[in-house]
Amino acid sequence: MSAALGIGAVAIALSGCSLLEPVDVAPDEVAAPEPGARVLRFANGYEPSHPVNRCGVEPMKEQLAAAGIDLRSYPAGQLGSEAALVEQVATGALDIGIAGGSFLGEWYEDAAVVDGAYLFRDVDEFDEATTGPALAEVYDRMAEETGLRVASYWYYGTRLITADKPVTAPEDLRGLKIRTPDAPLYLINFGIMGATATPMALSEVYLGLQQNAIDAQENPIPTIASSNFQEVQEYVSLTGHMVQGVQIVTTDRLLESLEPAQREALESAIETARLSVRDCIVDEEQQILAEWKDTGAIDVVEDVDVDAFQQRIAAELPSQVPWGDLYLQIQEDLAAENEEQ
């Protein structure tokens, strides 16, 4: 089951990832930039305590300050949803945003492939594919067609299902109303897996579960914990249905407007953050899961028939999406690499 979760034996200290207070974006509260500094606005939908922010975005600020860049962070959906952030980046209203593949797929179809269920088996496969040539080609074509540039791809976590009953096989999802992000691909993924997908904003999920408007939800462990879903759900089932990342989205127009040294500093800071976020999230996945097992805060269901879910996806997903061939190509490339190793 550990392979499905993508949680390896990694022990990374989080001493450099201190918890942060929410950013106040009221104009009269925003400090003036240093003279001559280039201000860049960076927005995402995650709480300030989430590893994407405390291990990724926040450490970038200090690193970039030395290069004359004043990075302004707007977490927790302060500037809008993932879809809204992508649109703001495209129009130049925002410099950098974070969005999942399903939302980029609304701009360029093939970009959604990374959110196809069971594309990757674990974090190592995720890293190999998301830094490899097949996806680099996809993102180059997307930049040419839309102007949107994926500057990096950060690990977000391995998605699991929480519910008030164990989910060990596709039959357990029958009739279950499961909350998903508001993107069409999630409806396809869960329709194949056997559930009824119900799109809902992440901020509404806790109350939705509490009031039984929905029966279940699916997210990575750090998101489940930071949203306190373990308080309103009895079981977390280790389905590992999506080893997922989020894309750091900007434009070539923005990158080309920077001084060469500033662009180099930005690209270096983003890459450093990519590695730090991966380590922080893998570590949190391990620590929180162990804590849940120890305290019983939520019952952990490990005997999941992952193969049954994978077989359903393999049989149906490629024919239901426009990027089915790309999905299969990525899996074949990964299988070939694994054989060589």
C-alpha atoms as a PDB file:
ATOM      1  CA  MET A   1       0.000   0.000   0.000  1.00  0.00           C
ATOM      2  CA  SER A   2       2.954   2.318   0.613  1.00  0.00           C
ATOM      3  CA  ALA A   3       3.639   2.362  -3.134  1.00  0.00           C
ATOM      4  CA  ALA A   4       0.105   3.516  -3.858  1.00  0.00           C
ATOM      5  CA  LEU A   5       0.493   6.269  -1.298  1.00  0.00           C
ATOM      6  CA  GLY A   6       3.829   7.319  -2.704  1.00  0.00           C
ATOM      7  CA  ILE A   7       5.198   7.730   0.823  1.00  0.00           C
ATOM      8  CA  GLY A   8       8.809   6.642   0.938  1.00  0.00           C
ATOM      9  CA  ALA A   9      11.103   6.372   3.912  1.00  0.00           C
ATOM     10  CA  VAL A  10      12.100  10.012   3.914  1.00  0.00           C
ATOM     11  CA  ALA A  11      12.893  11.867   7.122  1.00  0.00           C
ATOM     12  CA  ILE A  12      13.095  15.590   6.515  1.00  0.00           C
ATOM     13  CA  ALA A  13      13.158  18.091   9.366  1.00  0.00           C
ATOM     14  CA  LEU A  14      10.668  20.922   9.109  1.00  0.00           C
ATOM     15  CA  SER A  15      12.709  23.395  11.117  1.00  0.00           C
ATOM     16  CA  GLY A  16      12.882  25.753   8.148  1.00  0.00           C
ATOM     17  CA  CYS A  17       9.122  25.667   7.623  1.00  0.00           C
ATOM     18  CA  SER A  18       7.646  27.696  10.476  1.00  0.00           C
ATOM     19  CA  LEU A  19       3.934  28.412  10.649  1.00  0.00           C
ATOM     20  CA  LEU A  20       2.930  31.780   9.273  1.00  0.00           C
ATOM     21  CA  GLU A  21       0.099  34.189   9.829  1.00  0.00           C
ATOM     22  CA  PRO A  22      -2.353  34.942   6.980  1.00  0.00           C
ATOM     23  CA  VAL A  23      -1.396  37.738   4.631  1.00  0.00           C
ATOM     24  CA  ASP A  24      -3.445  40.929   4.884  1.00  0.00           C
ATOM     25  CA  VAL A  25      -3.893  42.277   1.376  1.00  0.00           C
ATOM     26  CA  ALA A  26      -5.603  45.543   2.291  1.00  0.00           C
ATOM     27  CA  PRO A  27      -3.790  48.282   0.330  1.00  0.00           C
ATOM     28  CA  ASP A  28      -2.983  50.399   3.395  1.00  0.00           C
ATOM     29  CA  GLU A  29      -1.386  47.386   5.123  1.00  0.00           C
ATOM     30  CA  VAL A  30       0.988  46.429   2.303  1.00  0.00           C
ATOM     31  CA  ALA A  31       4.525  47.678   2.900  1.00  0.00           C
ATOM     32  CA  ALA A  32       6.141  49.806   0.222  1.00  0.00           C
ATOM     33  CA  PRO A  33       8.762  47.945  -1.806  1.00  0.00           C
ATOM     34  CA  GLU A  34      12.437  48.671  -1.444  1.00  0.00           C
ATOM     35  CA  PRO A  35      13.609  51.369  -3.887  1.00  0.00           C
ATOM     36  CA  GLY A  36      14.276  49.770  -7.268  1.00  0.00           C
ATOM     37  CA  ALA A  37      12.798  46.395  -6.289  1.00  0.00           C
ATOM     38  CA  ARG A  38      10.590  44.519  -8.749  1.00  0.00           C
ATOM     39  CA  VAL A  39       7.309  43.541  -7.111  1.00  0.00           C
ATOM     40  CA  LEU A  40       5.873  40.139  -8.104  1.00  0.00           C
ATOM     41  CA  ARG A  41       2.458  38.949  -6.901  1.00  0.00           C
ATOM     42  CA  PHE A  42       2.189  35.214  -6.166  1.00  0.00           C
ATOM     43  CA  ALA A  43      -1.231  33.743  -5.254  1.00  0.00           C
ATOM     44  CA  ASN A  44      -2.628  30.339  -4.351  1.00  0.00           C
ATOM     45  CA  GLY A  45      -5.623  28.736  -2.680  1.00  0.00           C
ATOM     46  CA  TYR A  46      -3.906  27.024   0.269  1.00  0.00           C
ATOM     47  CA  GLU A  47      -3.839  28.032   3.916  1.00  0.00           C
ATOM     48  CA  PRO A  48      -0.650  29.787   5.105  1.00  0.00           C
ATOM     49  CA  SER A  49       0.187  26.732   7.232  1.00  0.00           C
ATOM     50  CA  HIS A  50       0.103  24.402   4.218  1.00  0.00           C
ATOM     51  CA  PRO A  51       3.541  23.188   3.025  1.00  0.00           C
ATOM     52  CA  VAL A  52       3.047  24.865  -0.365  1.00  0.00           C
ATOM     53  CA  ASN A  53       3.206  28.197   1.456  1.00  0.00           C
ATOM     54  CA  ARG A  54       5.404  27.680   4.502  1.00  0.00           C
ATOM     55  CA  CYS A  55       7.948  25.411   2.788  1.00  0.00           C
ATOM     56  CA  GLY A  56       7.687  26.875  -0.711  1.00  0.00           C
ATOM     57  CA  VAL A  57       6.397  30.391  -1.212  1.00  0.00           C
ATOM     58  CA  GLU A  58       7.548  31.967   2.055  1.00  0.00           C
ATOM     59  CA  PRO A  59      11.215  30.859   1.854  1.00  0.00           C
ATOM     60  CA  MET A  60      11.297  32.213  -1.708  1.00  0.00           C
ATOM     61  CA  LYS A  61      10.754  35.749  -0.410  1.00  0.00           C
ATOM     62  CA  GLU A  62      14.085  35.977   1.389  1.00  0.00           C
ATOM     63  CA  GLN A  63      15.950  34.280  -1.440  1.00  0.00           C
ATOM     64  CA  LEU A  64      14.515  36.689  -4.023  1.00  0.00           C
ATOM     65  CA  ALA A  65      14.956  39.832  -1.927  1.00  0.00           C
ATOM     66  CA  ALA A  66      18.715  39.562  -2.484  1.00  0.00           C
ATOM     67  CA  ALA A  67      18.064  39.699  -6.248  1.00  0.00           C
ATOM     68  CA  GLY A  68      15.941  42.826  -6.043  1.00  0.00           C
ATOM     69  CA  ILE A  69      12.578  41.040  -6.216  1.00  0.00           C
ATOM     70  CA  ASP A  70       9.844  41.800  -3.685  1.00  0.00           C
ATOM     71  CA  LEU A  71       7.636  38.697  -3.742  1.00  0.00           C
ATOM     72  CA  ARG A  72       4.131  39.413  -2.418  1.00  0.00           C
ATOM     73  CA  SER A  73       2.207  36.312  -1.327  1.00  0.00           C
ATOM     74  CA  TYR A  74      -1.596  35.940  -1.369  1.00  0.00           C
ATOM     75  CA  PRO A  75      -2.578  32.520   0.081  1.00  0.00           C
ATOM     76  CA  ALA A  76      -5.924  30.989   1.050  1.00  0.00           C
ATOM     77  CA  GLY A  77      -7.784  31.975  -2.097  1.00  0.00           C
ATOM     78  CA  GLN A  78      -7.544  35.691  -1.308  1.00  0.00           C
ATOM     79  CA  LEU A  79      -7.354  36.519  -5.014  1.00  0.00           C
ATOM     80  CA  GLY A  80      -9.820  33.857  -6.159  1.00  0.00           C
ATOM     81  CA  SER A  81     -10.158  30.216  -7.122  1.00  0.00           C
ATOM     82  CA  GLU A  82      -7.592  28.209  -9.090  1.00  0.00           C
ATOM     83  CA  ALA A  83      -9.521  28.908 -12.283  1.00  0.00           C
ATOM     84  CA  ALA A  84      -9.592  32.628 -11.486  1.00  0.00           C
ATOM     85  CA  LEU A  85      -5.857  32.699 -10.748  1.00  0.00           C
ATOM     86  CA  VAL A  86      -5.025  31.118 -14.101  1.00  0.00           C
ATOM     87  CA  GLU A  87      -7.138  33.705 -15.867  1.00  0.00           C
ATOM     88  CA  GLN A  88      -5.483  36.534 -13.909  1.00  0.00           C
ATOM     89  CA  VAL A  89      -2.034  35.251 -14.876  1.00  0.00           C
ATOM     90  CA  ALA A  90      -3.089  35.009 -18.518  1.00  0.00           C
ATOM     91  CA  THR A  91      -4.333  38.608 -18.563  1.00  0.00           C
ATOM     92  CA  GLY A  92      -1.338  39.991 -16.660  1.00  0.00           C
ATOM     93  CA  ALA A  93      -3.363  40.929 -13.571  1.00  0.00           C
ATOM     94  CA  LEU A  94      -1.295  38.429 -11.538  1.00  0.00           C
ATOM     95  CA  ASP A  95       2.362  37.509 -11.971  1.00  0.00           C
ATOM     96  CA  ILE A  96       2.427  33.940 -10.641  1.00  0.00           C
ATOM     97  CA  GLY A  97      -0.344  31.577  -9.600  1.00  0.00           C
ATOM     98  CA  ILE A  98      -0.729  27.967  -8.533  1.00  0.00           C
ATOM     99  CA  ALA A  99      -3.248  25.663 -10.187  1.00  0.00           C
ATOM    100  CA  GLY A 100      -3.829  21.975 -10.761  1.00  0.00           C
ATOM    101  CA  GLY A 101      -3.686  20.245 -14.128  1.00  0.00           C
ATOM    102  CA  SER A 102      -7.467  19.971 -14.390  1.00  0.00           C
ATOM    103  CA  PHE A 103      -7.755  23.761 -14.406  1.00  0.00           C
ATOM    104  CA  LEU A 104      -4.932  24.262 -16.895  1.00  0.00           C
ATOM    105  CA  GLY A 105      -6.683  21.690 -19.050  1.00  0.00           C
ATOM    106  CA  GLU A 106      -9.441  24.234 -19.594  1.00  0.00           C
ATOM    107  CA  TRP A 107      -6.824  26.315 -21.459  1.00  0.00           C
ATOM    108  CA  TYR A 108      -4.859  23.513 -23.093  1.00  0.00           C
ATOM    109  CA  GLU A 109      -6.385  20.034 -23.088  1.00  0.00           C
ATOM    110  CA  ASP A 110      -3.228  17.950 -22.749  1.00  0.00           C
ATOM    111  CA  ALA A 111      -2.218  19.793 -19.551  1.00  0.00           C
ATOM    112  CA  ALA A 112      -4.997  17.934 -17.709  1.00  0.00           C
ATOM    113  CA  VAL A 113      -3.278  14.570 -18.184  1.00  0.00           C
ATOM    114  CA  VAL A 114      -1.435  14.883 -14.868  1.00  0.00           C
ATOM    115  CA  ASP A 115      -4.754  14.699 -12.999  1.00  0.00           C
ATOM    116  CA  GLY A 116      -5.766  11.431 -14.624  1.00  0.00           C
ATOM    117  CA  ALA A 117      -6.352   8.909 -11.850  1.00  0.00           C
ATOM    118  CA  TYR A 118      -3.555   6.397 -11.202  1.00  0.00           C
ATOM    119  CA  LEU A 119      -1.207   8.007 -13.727  1.00  0.00           C
ATOM    120  CA  PHE A 120       1.653   7.687 -11.228  1.00  0.00           C
ATOM    121  CA  ARG A 121       2.238   4.926  -8.700  1.00  0.00           C
ATOM    122  CA  ASP A 122       4.335   6.906  -6.245  1.00  0.00           C
ATOM    123  CA  VAL A 123       6.263  10.129  -5.651  1.00  0.00           C
ATOM    124  CA  ASP A 124       9.349   8.888  -7.497  1.00  0.00           C
ATOM    125  CA  GLU A 125       7.323   8.277 -10.663  1.00  0.00           C
ATOM    126  CA  PHE A 126       5.687  11.663 -10.174  1.00  0.00           C
ATOM    127  CA  ASP A 127       9.105  13.363 -10.010  1.00  0.00           C
ATOM    128  CA  GLU A 128      10.439  11.464 -13.000  1.00  0.00           C
ATOM    129  CA  ALA A 129       7.498  12.297 -15.251  1.00  0.00           C
ATOM    130  CA  THR A 130       6.921  15.899 -14.177  1.00  0.00           C
ATOM    131  CA  THR A 131      10.553  16.814 -14.796  1.00  0.00           C
ATOM    132  CA  GLY A 132      10.788  14.720 -17.977  1.00  0.00           C
ATOM    133  CA  PRO A 133      10.554  15.458 -21.713  1.00  0.00           C
ATOM    134  CA  ALA A 134       6.940  14.399 -22.402  1.00  0.00           C
ATOM    135  CA  LEU A 135       5.392  16.959 -20.072  1.00  0.00           C
ATOM    136  CA  ALA A 136       8.009  19.583 -20.944  1.00  0.00           C
ATOM    137  CA  GLU A 137       6.825  19.310 -24.539  1.00  0.00           C
ATOM    138  CA  VAL A 138       3.193  19.656 -23.430  1.00  0.00           C
ATOM    139  CA  TYR A 139       3.981  22.810 -21.472  1.00  0.00           C
ATOM    140  CA  ASP A 140       6.018  24.300 -24.323  1.00  0.00           C
ATOM    141  CA  ARG A 141       3.078  23.809 -26.683  1.00  0.00           C
ATOM    142  CA  MET A 142       0.711  25.283 -24.120  1.00  0.00           C
ATOM    143  CA  ALA A 143       2.917  28.364 -23.779  1.00  0.00           C
ATOM    144  CA  GLU A 144       2.977  28.846 -27.543  1.00  0.00           C
ATOM    145  CA  GLU A 145      -0.810  28.517 -27.816  1.00  0.00           C
ATOM    146  CA  THR A 146      -2.007  30.278 -24.653  1.00  0.00           C
ATOM    147  CA  GLY A 147       0.853  32.380 -23.336  1.00  0.00           C
ATOM    148  CA  LEU A 148       0.734  30.470 -20.031  1.00  0.00           C
ATOM    149  CA  ARG A 149       4.069  29.063 -18.894  1.00  0.00           C
ATOM    150  CA  VAL A 150       4.402  26.275 -16.313  1.00  0.00           C
ATOM    151  CA  ALA A 151       7.546  27.324 -14.471  1.00  0.00           C
ATOM    152  CA  SER A 152       7.581  24.304 -12.168  1.00  0.00           C
ATOM    153  CA  TYR A 153       5.496  21.455 -10.822  1.00  0.00           C
ATOM    154  CA  TRP A 154       5.336  20.994  -7.039  1.00  0.00           C
ATOM    155  CA  TYR A 155       4.235  17.805  -5.285  1.00  0.00           C
ATOM    156  CA  TYR A 156       0.915  18.403  -3.532  1.00  0.00           C
ATOM    157  CA  GLY A 157       0.289  14.989  -2.049  1.00  0.00           C
ATOM    158  CA  THR A 158      -1.327  11.625  -2.659  1.00  0.00           C
ATOM    159  CA  ARG A 159      -5.106  11.848  -2.630  1.00  0.00           C
ATOM    160  CA  LEU A 160      -7.103   9.553  -0.330  1.00  0.00           C
ATOM    161  CA  ILE A 161     -10.803   9.159   0.423  1.00  0.00           C
ATOM    162  CA  THR A 162     -12.413  10.005   3.759  1.00  0.00           C
ATOM    163  CA  ALA A 163     -15.937   8.824   4.548  1.00  0.00           C
ATOM    164  CA  ASP A 164     -18.068   7.472   7.369  1.00  0.00           C
ATOM    165  CA  LYS A 165     -17.446   3.953   6.115  1.00  0.00           C
ATOM    166  CA  PRO A 166     -14.362   2.131   4.833  1.00  0.00           C
ATOM    167  CA  VAL A 167     -13.726   2.289   1.088  1.00  0.00           C
ATOM    168  CA  THR A 168     -11.831  -0.848   0.093  1.00  0.00           C
ATOM    169  CA  ALA A 169     -13.213  -1.567  -3.399  1.00  0.00           C
ATOM    170  CA  PRO A 170     -15.187   0.170  -6.165  1.00  0.00           C
ATOM    171  CA  GLU A 171     -18.437  -1.319  -4.814  1.00  0.00           C
ATOM    172  CA  ASP A 172     -18.006   0.732  -1.630  1.00  0.00           C
ATOM    173  CA  LEU A 173     -18.294   3.949  -3.645  1.00  0.00           C
ATOM    174  CA  ARG A 174     -21.675   3.070  -5.136  1.00  0.00           C
ATOM    175  CA  GLY A 175     -24.176   5.798  -4.218  1.00  0.00           C
ATOM    176  CA  LEU A 176     -21.570   7.774  -2.283  1.00  0.00           C
ATOM    177  CA  LYS A 177     -21.677  11.542  -2.817  1.00  0.00           C
ATOM    178  CA  ILE A 178     -18.026  12.527  -2.758  1.00  0.00           C
ATOM    179  CA  ARG A 179     -16.842  16.117  -2.877  1.00  0.00           C
ATOM    180  CA  THR A 180     -14.287  16.937  -5.565  1.00  0.00           C
ATOM    181  CA  PRO A 181     -12.765  20.152  -6.919  1.00  0.00           C
ATOM    182  CA  ASP A 182     -14.918  21.874  -9.514  1.00  0.00           C
ATOM    183  CA  ALA A 183     -13.217  20.517 -12.625  1.00  0.00           C
ATOM    184  CA  PRO A 184     -14.783  18.104 -15.162  1.00  0.00           C
ATOM    185  CA  LEU A 185     -11.955  15.567 -14.969  1.00  0.00           C
ATOM    186  CA  TYR A 186     -12.751  14.765 -11.344  1.00  0.00           C
ATOM    187  CA  LEU A 187     -16.282  13.806 -12.376  1.00  0.00           C
ATOM    188  CA  ILE A 188     -14.841  11.455 -15.004  1.00  0.00           C
ATOM    189  CA  ASN A 189     -12.289   9.921 -12.607  1.00  0.00           C
ATOM    190  CA  PHE A 190     -14.830   9.216  -9.889  1.00  0.00           C
ATOM    191  CA  GLY A 191     -17.560   8.172 -12.255  1.00  0.00           C
ATOM    192  CA  ILE A 192     -15.255   5.401 -13.463  1.00  0.00           C
ATOM    193  CA  MET A 193     -14.193   4.532  -9.917  1.00  0.00           C
ATOM    194  CA  GLY A 194     -17.856   4.148  -8.950  1.00  0.00           C
ATOM    195  CA  ALA A 195     -18.825   7.275  -6.982  1.00  0.00           C
ATOM    196  CA  THR A 196     -21.051  10.278  -7.575  1.00  0.00           C
ATOM    197  CA  ALA A 197     -18.771  13.314  -7.707  1.00  0.00           C
ATOM    198  CA  THR A 198     -20.116  16.545  -6.190  1.00  0.00           C
ATOM    199  CA  PRO A 199     -18.039  19.656  -6.977  1.00  0.00           C
ATOM    200  CA  MET A 200     -17.683  22.014  -4.016  1.00  0.00           C
ATOM    201  CA  ALA A 201     -15.268  24.725  -2.893  1.00  0.00           C
ATOM    202  CA  LEU A 202     -12.719  23.435  -0.376  1.00  0.00           C
ATOM    203  CA  SER A 203     -13.805  26.094   2.124  1.00  0.00           C
ATOM    204  CA  GLU A 204     -17.346  24.633   2.146  1.00  0.00           C
ATOM    205  CA  VAL A 205     -16.414  20.975   2.607  1.00  0.00           C
ATOM    206  CA  TYR A 206     -16.191  20.826   6.417  1.00  0.00           C
ATOM    207  CA  LEU A 207     -19.720  22.189   6.839  1.00  0.00           C
ATOM    208  CA  GLY A 208     -20.975  20.038   3.954  1.00  0.00           C
ATOM    209  CA  LEU A 209     -19.713  16.912   5.698  1.00  0.00           C
ATOM    210  CA  GLN A 210     -20.990  18.056   9.065  1.00  0.00           C
ATOM    211  CA  GLN A 211     -24.486  18.669   7.680  1.00  0.00           C
ATOM    212  CA  ASN A 212     -24.471  15.495   5.521  1.00  0.00           C
ATOM    213  CA  ALA A 213     -24.827  17.459   2.292  1.00  0.00           C
ATOM    214  CA  ILE A 214     -22.000  15.200   1.065  1.00  0.00           C
ATOM    215  CA  ASP A 215     -20.904  11.771   2.271  1.00  0.00           C
ATOM    216  CA  ALA A 216     -17.195  11.848   1.583  1.00  0.00           C
ATOM    217  CA  GLN A 217     -14.284  13.869   0.229  1.00  0.00           C
ATOM    218  CA  GLU A 218     -10.833  13.155  -1.195  1.00  0.00           C
ATOM    219  CA  ASN A 219      -7.600  15.038  -0.601  1.00  0.00           C
ATOM    220  CA  PRO A 220      -3.966  14.494   0.359  1.00  0.00           C
ATOM    221  CA  ILE A 221      -3.176  13.929   4.031  1.00  0.00           C
ATOM    222  CA  PRO A 222      -1.800  17.442   4.763  1.00  0.00           C
ATOM    223  CA  THR A 223      -4.957  19.007   3.329  1.00  0.00           C
ATOM    224  CA  ILE A 224      -7.219  16.627   5.259  1.00  0.00           C
ATOM    225  CA  ALA A 225      -5.392  17.508   8.470  1.00  0.00           C
ATOM    226  CA  SER A 226      -5.156  21.275   7.928  1.00  0.00           C
ATOM    227  CA  SER A 227      -8.887  21.319   7.081  1.00  0.00           C
ATOM    228  CA  ASN A 228      -9.727  19.150  10.129  1.00  0.00           C
ATOM    229  CA  PHE A 229     -11.798  16.707   8.078  1.00  0.00           C
ATOM    230  CA  GLN A 230     -10.819  13.983  10.551  1.00  0.00           C
ATOM    231  CA  GLU A 231     -13.229  15.692  12.964  1.00  0.00           C
ATOM    232  CA  VAL A 232     -16.248  15.026  10.733  1.00  0.00           C
ATOM    233  CA  GLN A 233     -15.294  11.738   9.037  1.00  0.00           C
ATOM    234  CA  GLU A 234     -14.714   8.325  10.598  1.00  0.00           C
ATOM    235  CA  TYR A 235     -12.432   6.610   8.075  1.00  0.00           C
ATOM    236  CA  VAL A 236      -9.587   7.510   5.752  1.00  0.00           C
ATOM    237  CA  SER A 237      -9.037   4.855   3.071  1.00  0.00           C
ATOM    238  CA  LEU A 238      -5.625   4.647   1.418  1.00  0.00           C
ATOM    239  CA  THR A 239      -6.851   4.590  -2.179  1.00  0.00           C
ATOM    240  CA  GLY A 240      -3.872   6.576  -3.495  1.00  0.00           C
ATOM    241  CA  HIS A 241      -5.947   7.408  -6.560  1.00  0.00           C
ATOM    242  CA  MET A 242      -3.948  10.458  -7.533  1.00  0.00           C
ATOM    243  CA  VAL A 243      -0.284  11.221  -6.846  1.00  0.00           C
ATOM    244  CA  GLN A 244      -0.743  14.890  -7.517  1.00  0.00           C
ATOM    245  CA  GLY A 245       1.150  18.089  -7.996  1.00  0.00           C
ATOM    246  CA  VAL A 246       0.281  21.704  -8.633  1.00  0.00           C
ATOM    247  CA  GLN A 247       1.720  23.847 -11.374  1.00  0.00           C
ATOM    248  CA  ILE A 248       3.480  27.152 -10.823  1.00  0.00           C
ATOM    249  CA  VAL A 249       1.992  29.221 -13.625  1.00  0.00           C
ATOM    250  CA  THR A 250       3.316  32.446 -15.074  1.00  0.00           C
ATOM    251  CA  THR A 251       3.901  33.794 -18.597  1.00  0.00           C
ATOM    252  CA  ASP A 252       6.890  34.125 -20.896  1.00  0.00           C
ATOM    253  CA  ARG A 253       5.963  37.797 -21.068  1.00  0.00           C
ATOM    254  CA  LEU A 254       6.621  38.171 -17.340  1.00  0.00           C
ATOM    255  CA  LEU A 255       9.852  36.150 -17.418  1.00  0.00           C
ATOM    256  CA  GLU A 256      11.196  38.127 -20.360  1.00  0.00           C
ATOM    257  CA  SER A 257      10.459  41.404 -18.573  1.00  0.00           C
ATOM    258  CA  LEU A 258      12.896  40.544 -15.768  1.00  0.00           C
ATOM    259  CA  GLU A 259      16.560  41.433 -15.753  1.00  0.00           C
ATOM    260  CA  PRO A 260      18.666  38.342 -16.567  1.00  0.00           C
ATOM    261  CA  ALA A 261      19.934  38.079 -12.984  1.00  0.00           C
ATOM    262  CA  GLN A 262      16.405  38.421 -11.623  1.00  0.00           C
ATOM    263  CA  ARG A 263      15.049  35.745 -13.944  1.00  0.00           C
ATOM    264  CA  GLU A 264      17.851  33.399 -12.963  1.00  0.00           C
ATOM    265  CA  ALA A 265      17.150  34.083  -9.278  1.00  0.00           C
ATOM    266  CA  LEU A 266      13.423  33.456  -9.733  1.00  0.00           C
ATOM    267  CA  GLU A 267      13.956  30.184 -11.569  1.00  0.00           C
ATOM    268  CA  SER A 268      16.480  29.061  -8.939  1.00  0.00           C
ATOM    269  CA  ALA A 269      14.134  29.974  -6.065  1.00  0.00           C
ATOM    270  CA  ILE A 270      11.245  28.099  -7.666  1.00  0.00           C
ATOM    271  CA  GLU A 271      13.386  24.981  -8.109  1.00  0.00           C
ATOM    272  CA  THR A 272      14.652  25.161  -4.511  1.00  0.00           C
ATOM    273  CA  ALA A 273      11.051  25.519  -3.368  1.00  0.00           C
ATOM    274  CA  ARG A 274       9.978  22.532  -5.479  1.00  0.00           C
ATOM    275  CA  LEU A 275      12.393  20.269  -3.636  1.00  0.00           C
ATOM    276  CA  SER A 276      11.552  21.734  -0.233  1.00  0.00           C
ATOM    277  CA  VAL A 277       7.793  21.385  -0.727  1.00  0.00           C
ATOM    278  CA  ARG A 278       8.204  17.773  -1.830  1.00  0.00           C
ATOM    279  CA  ASP A 279      10.215  16.922   1.272  1.00  0.00           C
ATOM    280  CA  CYS A 280       7.865  18.767   3.611  1.00  0.00           C
ATOM    281  CA  ILE A 281       4.764  17.092   2.209  1.00  0.00           C
ATOM    282  CA  VAL A 282       6.242  13.586   2.156  1.00  0.00           C
ATOM    283  CA  ASP A 283       7.327  14.084   5.768  1.00  0.00           C
ATOM    284  CA  GLU A 284       3.886  15.379   6.796  1.00  0.00           C
ATOM    285  CA  GLU A 285       2.163  12.476   5.051  1.00  0.00           C
ATOM    286  CA  GLN A 286       4.220  10.069   7.121  1.00  0.00           C
ATOM    287  CA  GLN A 287       3.947  11.933  10.402  1.00  0.00           C
ATOM    288  CA  ILE A 288       0.217  12.645  10.265  1.00  0.00           C
ATOM    289  CA  LEU A 289      -0.670   9.118   9.146  1.00  0.00           C
ATOM    290  CA  ALA A 290       1.357   7.695  12.032  1.00  0.00           C
ATOM    291  CA  GLU A 291      -0.349  10.096  14.434  1.00  0.00           C
ATOM    292  CA  TRP A 292      -3.812   9.104  13.213  1.00  0.00           C
ATOM    293  CA  LYS A 293      -2.985   5.429  13.707  1.00  0.00           C
ATOM    294  CA  ASP A 294      -1.604   6.138  17.166  1.00  0.00           C
ATOM    295  CA  THR A 295      -4.397   8.396  18.436  1.00  0.00           C
ATOM    296  CA  GLY A 296      -7.363   6.981  16.541  1.00  0.00           C
ATOM    297  CA  ALA A 297      -8.381  10.483  15.479  1.00  0.00           C
ATOM    298  CA  ILE A 298      -9.662   8.788  12.315  1.00  0.00           C
ATOM    299  CA  ASP A 299      -9.597   5.096  11.455  1.00  0.00           C
ATOM    300  CA  VAL A 300      -6.985   4.311   8.793  1.00  0.00           C
ATOM    301  CA  VAL A 301      -8.126   1.717   6.243  1.00  0.00           C
ATOM    302  CA  GLU A 302      -5.091   0.080   4.641  1.00  0.00           C
ATOM    303  CA  ASP A 303      -6.588  -3.053   3.045  1.00  0.00           C
ATOM    304  CA  VAL A 304      -7.746  -1.253  -0.092  1.00  0.00           C
ATOM    305  CA  ASP A 305      -7.997  -3.200  -3.348  1.00  0.00           C
ATOM    306  CA  VAL A 306      -6.047  -0.595  -5.304  1.00  0.00           C
ATOM    307  CA  ASP A 307      -5.702  -2.959  -8.271  1.00  0.00           C
ATOM    308  CA  ALA A 308      -9.486  -3.027  -8.712  1.00  0.00           C
ATOM    309  CA  PHE A 309      -9.619   0.773  -8.927  1.00  0.00           C
ATOM    310  CA  GLN A 310      -6.600   0.905 -11.230  1.00  0.00           C
ATOM    311  CA  GLN A 311      -8.107  -1.675 -13.573  1.00  0.00           C
ATOM    312  CA  ARG A 312     -11.307   0.337 -13.926  1.00  0.00           C
ATOM    313  CA  ILE A 313      -9.353   3.481 -14.741  1.00  0.00           C
ATOM    314  CA  ALA A 314      -7.047   1.686 -17.194  1.00  0.00           C
ATOM    315  CA  ALA A 315     -10.024   0.167 -19.023  1.00  0.00           C
ATOM    316  CA  GLU A 316     -12.113   3.333 -19.356  1.00  0.00           C
ATOM    317  CA  LEU A 317     -10.248   6.598 -18.774  1.00  0.00           C
ATOM    318  CA  PRO A 318      -8.039   6.733 -21.916  1.00  0.00           C
ATOM    319  CA  SER A 319     -11.075   6.451 -24.200  1.00  0.00           C
ATOM    320  CA  GLN A 320     -13.032   9.146 -22.362  1.00  0.00           C
ATOM    321  CA  VAL A 321     -10.479  11.973 -22.542  1.00  0.00           C
ATOM    322  CA  PRO A 322      -8.754  13.738 -25.468  1.00  0.00           C
ATOM    323  CA  TRP A 323      -5.302  13.058 -24.011  1.00  0.00           C
ATOM    324  CA  GLY A 324      -5.755   9.303 -23.579  1.00  0.00           C
ATOM    325  CA  ASP A 325      -2.791   8.450 -25.802  1.00  0.00           C
ATOM    326  CA  LEU A 326      -0.545  10.809 -23.834  1.00  0.00           C
ATOM    327  CA  TYR A 327      -1.691   9.212 -20.564  1.00  0.00           C
ATOM    328  CA  LEU A 328      -0.717   5.782 -21.884  1.00  0.00           C
ATOM    329  CA  GLN A 329       2.578   7.082 -23.296  1.00  0.00           C
ATOM    330  CA  ILE A 330       3.619   8.503 -19.925  1.00  0.00           C
ATOM    331  CA  GLN A 331       2.815   5.228 -18.190  1.00  0.00           C
ATOM    332  CA  GLU A 332       4.722   3.237 -20.824  1.00  0.00           C
ATOM    333  CA  ASP A 333       7.751   5.520 -20.479  1.00  0.00           C
ATOM    334  CA  LEU A 334       7.694   5.112 -16.705  1.00  0.00           C
ATOM    335  CA  ALA A 335       7.381   1.320 -16.988  1.00  0.00           C
ATOM    336  CA  ALA A 336      10.375   1.228 -19.341  1.00  0.00           C
ATOM    337  CA  GLU A 337      12.433   3.354 -16.943  1.00  0.00           C
ATOM    338  CA  ASN A 338      11.502   1.104 -14.027  1.00  0.00           C
ATOM    339  CA  GLU A 339      12.580  -1.990 -15.982  1.00  0.00           C
ATOM    340  CA  GLU A 340      15.956  -0.438 -16.754  1.00  0.00           C
ATOM    341  CA  GLN A 341      16.486   0.292 -13.063  1.00  0.00           C
END
